[in-house]
Each structure stands twice: as C-alpha cells, then as structure tokens.
C-alpha atoms as a PDB file:
ATOM      1  CA  MET A   1      -1.444 -15.706  17.757  1.00  0.00           C
ATOM      2  CA  SER A   2      -0.490 -17.049  14.320  1.00  0.00           C
ATOM      3  CA  PRO A   3       1.505 -14.794  11.944  1.00  0.00           C
ATOM      4  CA  GLU A   4      -1.558 -14.537   9.677  1.00  0.00           C
ATOM      5  CA  ASN A   5      -3.834 -13.556  12.566  1.00  0.00           C
ATOM      6  CA  LEU A   6      -1.297 -10.999  13.802  1.00  0.00           C
ATOM      7  CA  ALA A   7      -1.068  -9.469  10.317  1.00  0.00           C
ATOM      8  CA  ARG A   8      -4.874  -9.224  10.095  1.00  0.00           C
ATOM      9  CA  ALA A   9      -5.178  -7.737  13.604  1.00  0.00           C
ATOM     10  CA  CYS A  10      -2.528  -5.121  12.794  1.00  0.00           C
ATOM     11  CA  ALA A  11      -4.281  -4.235   9.524  1.00  0.00           C
ATOM     12  CA  ASP A  12      -7.645  -3.916  11.287  1.00  0.00           C
ATOM     13  CA  ALA A  13      -6.146  -1.637  13.943  1.00  0.00           C
ATOM     14  CA  MET A  14      -4.439   0.548  11.342  1.00  0.00           C
ATOM     15  CA  TRP A  15      -7.497   0.676   9.059  1.00  0.00           C
ATOM     16  CA  GLU A  16      -9.647   2.039  11.863  1.00  0.00           C
ATOM     17  CA  SER A  17      -7.438   5.164  12.045  1.00  0.00           C
ATOM     18  CA  ASP A  18      -6.467   5.426   8.350  1.00  0.00           C
ATOM     19  CA  ARG A  19      -8.819   8.175   7.272  1.00  0.00           C
ATOM     20  CA  ALA A  20      -6.783   8.974   4.142  1.00  0.00           C
ATOM     21  CA  SER A  21      -6.990   5.508   2.578  1.00  0.00           C
ATOM     22  CA  ARG A  22     -10.662   5.153   3.472  1.00  0.00           C
ATOM     23  CA  ALA A  23     -11.503   8.631   2.115  1.00  0.00           C
ATOM     24  CA  LEU A  24      -9.972   7.679  -1.236  1.00  0.00           C
ATOM     25  CA  GLY A  25     -12.148   4.567  -1.402  1.00  0.00           C
ATOM     26  CA  MET A  26      -9.321   2.078  -0.946  1.00  0.00           C
ATOM     27  CA  LYS A  27     -10.125  -1.472   0.104  1.00  0.00           C
ATOM     28  CA  ILE A  28      -7.875  -4.062   1.710  1.00  0.00           C
ATOM     29  CA  GLU A  29      -8.237  -7.162  -0.442  1.00  0.00           C
ATOM     30  CA  SER A  30      -5.711  -9.292   1.456  1.00  0.00           C
ATOM     31  CA  VAL A  31      -3.031  -9.056   4.110  1.00  0.00           C
ATOM     32  CA  GLY A  32      -0.473 -11.504   5.459  1.00  0.00           C
ATOM     33  CA  PRO A  33       2.996 -11.450   6.989  1.00  0.00           C
ATOM     34  CA  GLY A  34       5.001  -8.938   4.935  1.00  0.00           C
ATOM     35  CA  ALA A  35       2.314  -8.621   2.268  1.00  0.00           C
ATOM     36  CA  ALA A  36      -0.834  -6.678   1.432  1.00  0.00           C
ATOM     37  CA  LYS A  37      -3.082  -6.010  -1.532  1.00  0.00           C
ATOM     38  CA  LEU A  38      -5.217  -2.873  -1.756  1.00  0.00           C
ATOM     39  CA  THR A  39      -7.516  -1.607  -4.504  1.00  0.00           C
ATOM     40  CA  MET A  40      -8.838   1.831  -5.430  1.00  0.00           C
ATOM     41  CA  THR A  41     -11.194   2.980  -8.179  1.00  0.00           C
ATOM     42  CA  VAL A  42     -10.018   6.118  -9.971  1.00  0.00           C
ATOM     43  CA  THR A  43     -12.738   8.789  -9.656  1.00  0.00           C
ATOM     44  CA  PRO A  44     -13.122  11.893 -11.866  1.00  0.00           C
ATOM     45  CA  GLU A  45     -11.815  13.974  -8.943  1.00  0.00           C
ATOM     46  CA  MET A  46      -8.505  12.065  -9.187  1.00  0.00           C
ATOM     47  CA  ALA A  47      -7.899  13.123 -12.804  1.00  0.00           C
ATOM     48  CA  ASN A  48      -5.115  15.510 -13.706  1.00  0.00           C
ATOM     49  CA  GLY A  49      -5.103  18.087 -16.530  1.00  0.00           C
ATOM     50  CA  HIS A  50      -4.695  15.310 -19.112  1.00  0.00           C
ATOM     51  CA  GLY A  51      -7.803  13.462 -17.944  1.00  0.00           C
ATOM     52  CA  ILE A  52      -5.827  10.528 -16.477  1.00  0.00           C
ATOM     53  CA  CYS A  53      -5.191   9.554 -12.869  1.00  0.00           C
ATOM     54  CA  HIS A  54      -2.898  12.027 -11.134  1.00  0.00           C
ATOM     55  CA  GLY A  55       0.351  10.263 -10.227  1.00  0.00           C
ATOM     56  CA  GLY A  56      -0.004  11.324  -6.615  1.00  0.00           C
ATOM     57  CA  TYR A  57      -3.055   9.102  -6.207  1.00  0.00           C
ATOM     58  CA  ILE A  58      -1.233   6.123  -7.717  1.00  0.00           C
ATOM     59  CA  PHE A  59       1.662   6.815  -5.348  1.00  0.00           C
ATOM     60  CA  THR A  60      -0.741   7.033  -2.407  1.00  0.00           C
ATOM     61  CA  LEU A  61      -2.316   3.671  -3.263  1.00  0.00           C
ATOM     62  CA  ALA A  62       1.135   2.057  -3.495  1.00  0.00           C
ATOM     63  CA  ASP A  63       2.259   3.744  -0.280  1.00  0.00           C
ATOM     64  CA  SER A  64      -0.808   2.484   1.576  1.00  0.00           C
ATOM     65  CA  ALA A  65      -0.204  -1.098   0.393  1.00  0.00           C
ATOM     66  CA  PHE A  66       3.434  -0.708   1.493  1.00  0.00           C
ATOM     67  CA  ALA A  67       2.300   0.551   4.906  1.00  0.00           C
ATOM     68  CA  PHE A  68      -0.062  -2.350   5.492  1.00  0.00           C
ATOM     69  CA  ALA A  69       2.571  -4.881   4.371  1.00  0.00           C
ATOM     70  CA  CYS A  70       5.359  -3.571   6.596  1.00  0.00           C
ATOM     71  CA  ASN A  71       3.102  -3.226   9.641  1.00  0.00           C
ATOM     72  CA  THR A  72       2.139  -6.913   9.826  1.00  0.00           C
ATOM     73  CA  TYR A  73       4.541  -7.894  12.609  1.00  0.00           C
ATOM     74  CA  GLY A  74       3.058  -5.919  15.493  1.00  0.00           C
ATOM     75  CA  LYS A  75       5.489  -2.983  15.597  1.00  0.00           C
ATOM     76  CA  VAL A  76       4.642   0.502  14.337  1.00  0.00           C
ATOM     77  CA  THR A  77       6.666   0.794  11.127  1.00  0.00           C
ATOM     78  CA  VAL A  78       7.092   3.910   9.007  1.00  0.00           C
ATOM     79  CA  ALA A  79       8.539   4.779   5.624  1.00  0.00           C
ATOM     80  CA  GLN A  80      12.226   5.639   5.556  1.00  0.00           C
ATOM     81  CA  SER A  81      12.279   6.312   1.796  1.00  0.00           C
ATOM     82  CA  ASN A  82      10.467   5.287  -1.336  1.00  0.00           C
ATOM     83  CA  ALA A  83      10.429   5.748  -5.094  1.00  0.00           C
ATOM     84  CA  ILE A  84       7.992   5.069  -7.905  1.00  0.00           C
ATOM     85  CA  THR A  85       8.241   4.531 -11.641  1.00  0.00           C
ATOM     86  CA  TYR A  86       5.105   5.131 -13.712  1.00  0.00           C
ATOM     87  CA  LEU A  87       4.705   2.853 -16.726  1.00  0.00           C
ATOM     88  CA  ARG A  88       1.241   3.685 -18.036  1.00  0.00           C
ATOM     89  CA  PRO A  89      -1.626   5.953 -16.974  1.00  0.00           C
ATOM     90  CA  GLY A  90      -4.449   4.973 -14.701  1.00  0.00           C
ATOM     91  CA  GLU A  91      -7.799   5.719 -16.318  1.00  0.00           C
ATOM     92  CA  VAL A  92     -10.848   7.349 -14.739  1.00  0.00           C
ATOM     93  CA  GLY A  93     -13.265   4.596 -13.726  1.00  0.00           C
ATOM     94  CA  GLU A  94     -10.536   1.932 -13.604  1.00  0.00           C
ATOM     95  CA  THR A  95      -9.931  -0.048 -10.419  1.00  0.00           C
ATOM     96  CA  LEU A  96      -6.214  -0.166  -9.650  1.00  0.00           C
ATOM     97  CA  SER A  97      -4.631  -2.887  -7.512  1.00  0.00           C
ATOM     98  CA  ALA A  98      -1.465  -2.436  -5.461  1.00  0.00           C
ATOM     99  CA  GLU A  99       0.215  -5.628  -4.304  1.00  0.00           C
ATOM    100  CA  ALA A 100       3.026  -5.191  -1.776  1.00  0.00           C
ATOM    101  CA  ARG A 101       5.549  -7.868  -0.903  1.00  0.00           C
ATOM    102  CA  GLU A 102       8.478  -7.962   1.459  1.00  0.00           C
ATOM    103  CA  VAL A 103      11.850  -8.274  -0.280  1.00  0.00           C
ATOM    104  CA  ALA A 104      14.089  -8.173   2.798  1.00  0.00           C
ATOM    105  CA  LEU A 105      13.800  -7.628   6.532  1.00  0.00           C
ATOM    106  CA  SER A 106      16.802  -7.161   8.798  1.00  0.00           C
ATOM    107  CA  GLY A 107      16.466  -5.851  12.324  1.00  0.00           C
ATOM    108  CA  ARG A 108      14.344  -2.703  12.216  1.00  0.00           C
ATOM    109  CA  SER A 109      14.810  -2.116   8.462  1.00  0.00           C
ATOM    110  CA  GLY A 110      12.739  -3.566   5.640  1.00  0.00           C
ATOM    111  CA  LEU A 111      12.550  -3.398   1.867  1.00  0.00           C
ATOM    112  CA  TYR A 112       9.234  -3.770   0.017  1.00  0.00           C
ATOM    113  CA  ASP A 113       8.184  -3.799  -3.623  1.00  0.00           C
ATOM    114  CA  VAL A 114       4.702  -2.761  -4.704  1.00  0.00           C
ATOM    115  CA  ARG A 115       3.299  -3.426  -8.166  1.00  0.00           C
ATOM    116  CA  VAL A 116       0.303  -1.342  -9.206  1.00  0.00           C
ATOM    117  CA  THR A 117      -1.783  -2.902 -11.973  1.00  0.00           C
ATOM    118  CA  GLY A 118      -4.871  -1.984 -13.926  1.00  0.00           C
ATOM    119  CA  GLU A 119      -7.996  -4.064 -14.315  1.00  0.00           C
ATOM    120  CA  ASP A 120      -6.510  -5.895 -17.302  1.00  0.00           C
ATOM    121  CA  GLY A 121      -3.394  -6.802 -15.316  1.00  0.00           C
ATOM    122  CA  THR A 122      -1.040  -4.420 -17.093  1.00  0.00           C
ATOM    123  CA  VAL A 123       1.513  -2.743 -14.869  1.00  0.00           C
ATOM    124  CA  VAL A 124       0.756   0.901 -14.109  1.00  0.00           C
ATOM    125  CA  ALA A 125       3.646   1.549 -11.727  1.00  0.00           C
ATOM    126  CA  GLU A 126       6.434  -0.073  -9.715  1.00  0.00           C
ATOM    127  CA  PHE A 127       7.125   1.276  -6.210  1.00  0.00           C
ATOM    128  CA  ARG A 128       9.954   0.423  -3.833  1.00  0.00           C
ATOM    129  CA  GLY A 129       9.789   1.378  -0.174  1.00  0.00           C
ATOM    130  CA  GLN A 130      12.246   1.147   2.692  1.00  0.00           C
ATOM    131  CA  SER A 131      10.741   0.840   6.148  1.00  0.00           C
ATOM    132  CA  ARG A 132      11.950   1.435   9.668  1.00  0.00           C
ATOM    133  CA  ALA A 133      10.274  -0.145  12.705  1.00  0.00           C
ATOM    134  CA  THR A 134       9.809   1.947  15.827  1.00  0.00           C
ATOM    135  CA  GLY A 135       9.681   0.555  19.336  1.00  0.00           C
ATOM    136  CA  ARG A 136       5.905   1.034  19.656  1.00  0.00           C
ATOM    137  CA  ASP A 137       3.383  -1.790  19.512  1.00  0.00           C
ATOM    138  CA  ILE A 138       0.463  -1.545  17.089  1.00  0.00           C
ATOM    139  CA  LEU A 139      -1.931  -3.559  19.216  1.00  0.00           C
ATOM    140  CA  GLY A 140      -1.348  -1.959  22.531  1.00  0.00           C
END
C-alpha cells in the first residue's frame, strides 16, 4: 500500500469512530503522510460570552487535525502534550481551517504544527502537538 493510501485508510478508520469531530461538523479536506487539513464552521452554539468562538472549539479543531496527521502511518498515536496560541477570534458563521504538518518524527515520538486560519486566510491560532505512537495497529 502506498504511503498516501495508508494515510487515507487510517483516516477513514479513525473517522468512523470519531464521534466528537463529526458531531462538531468537522470535515476532512485532505490527508497524507504526516499531514491533514480539517475544516469546521463556527455555529452559534460555539460562541462564548463575548459572541466569538470559544477557544476550546478552536483547540478541538486543531487537536483533531493533529490527530489525523500523526495517525497516518498505521500505528495508533496519541497526544503526549500540546499548546495553542490564539491570535484572533473565530467568528460565528465563519469556516475555520486547521492544517497540520509533521515537523519531526523520531522513533515513537513526533512533533506537529497546526495552523488554524479563517476564511480570509488570516491566522486564528497556532498549535503545537507532541505525539507518541503505541504498539497497536490502526487497521487491524
């Protein structure tokens, strides 16, 4: 199986069980070895007390993109740690994009950056995640 086909198969297997991402209306726009792009439209239910997207939803979108990117090699991989910096608010009705890319991979540990952008391409947040692969296979 090619690396691209493996990445897609892993994403499809994960997506089937990922009730959280699906419930929030996320969509996988693309996936490849060490990379993924997800989108999510900010609904009124995602607004905080200031009428902007609650940071937890932005974090969740970034975390989901991170998860799909680091699980493209066939091994169940989980977050070891992560951090986010918010740069501007997400607006109700806006579709946010989270693009994850692998920065480094060594043994069972990986480092991934995720950029969350608004519809106009401006950066909403920057997320960095560290991953740790388990010994389990995603596809069986």
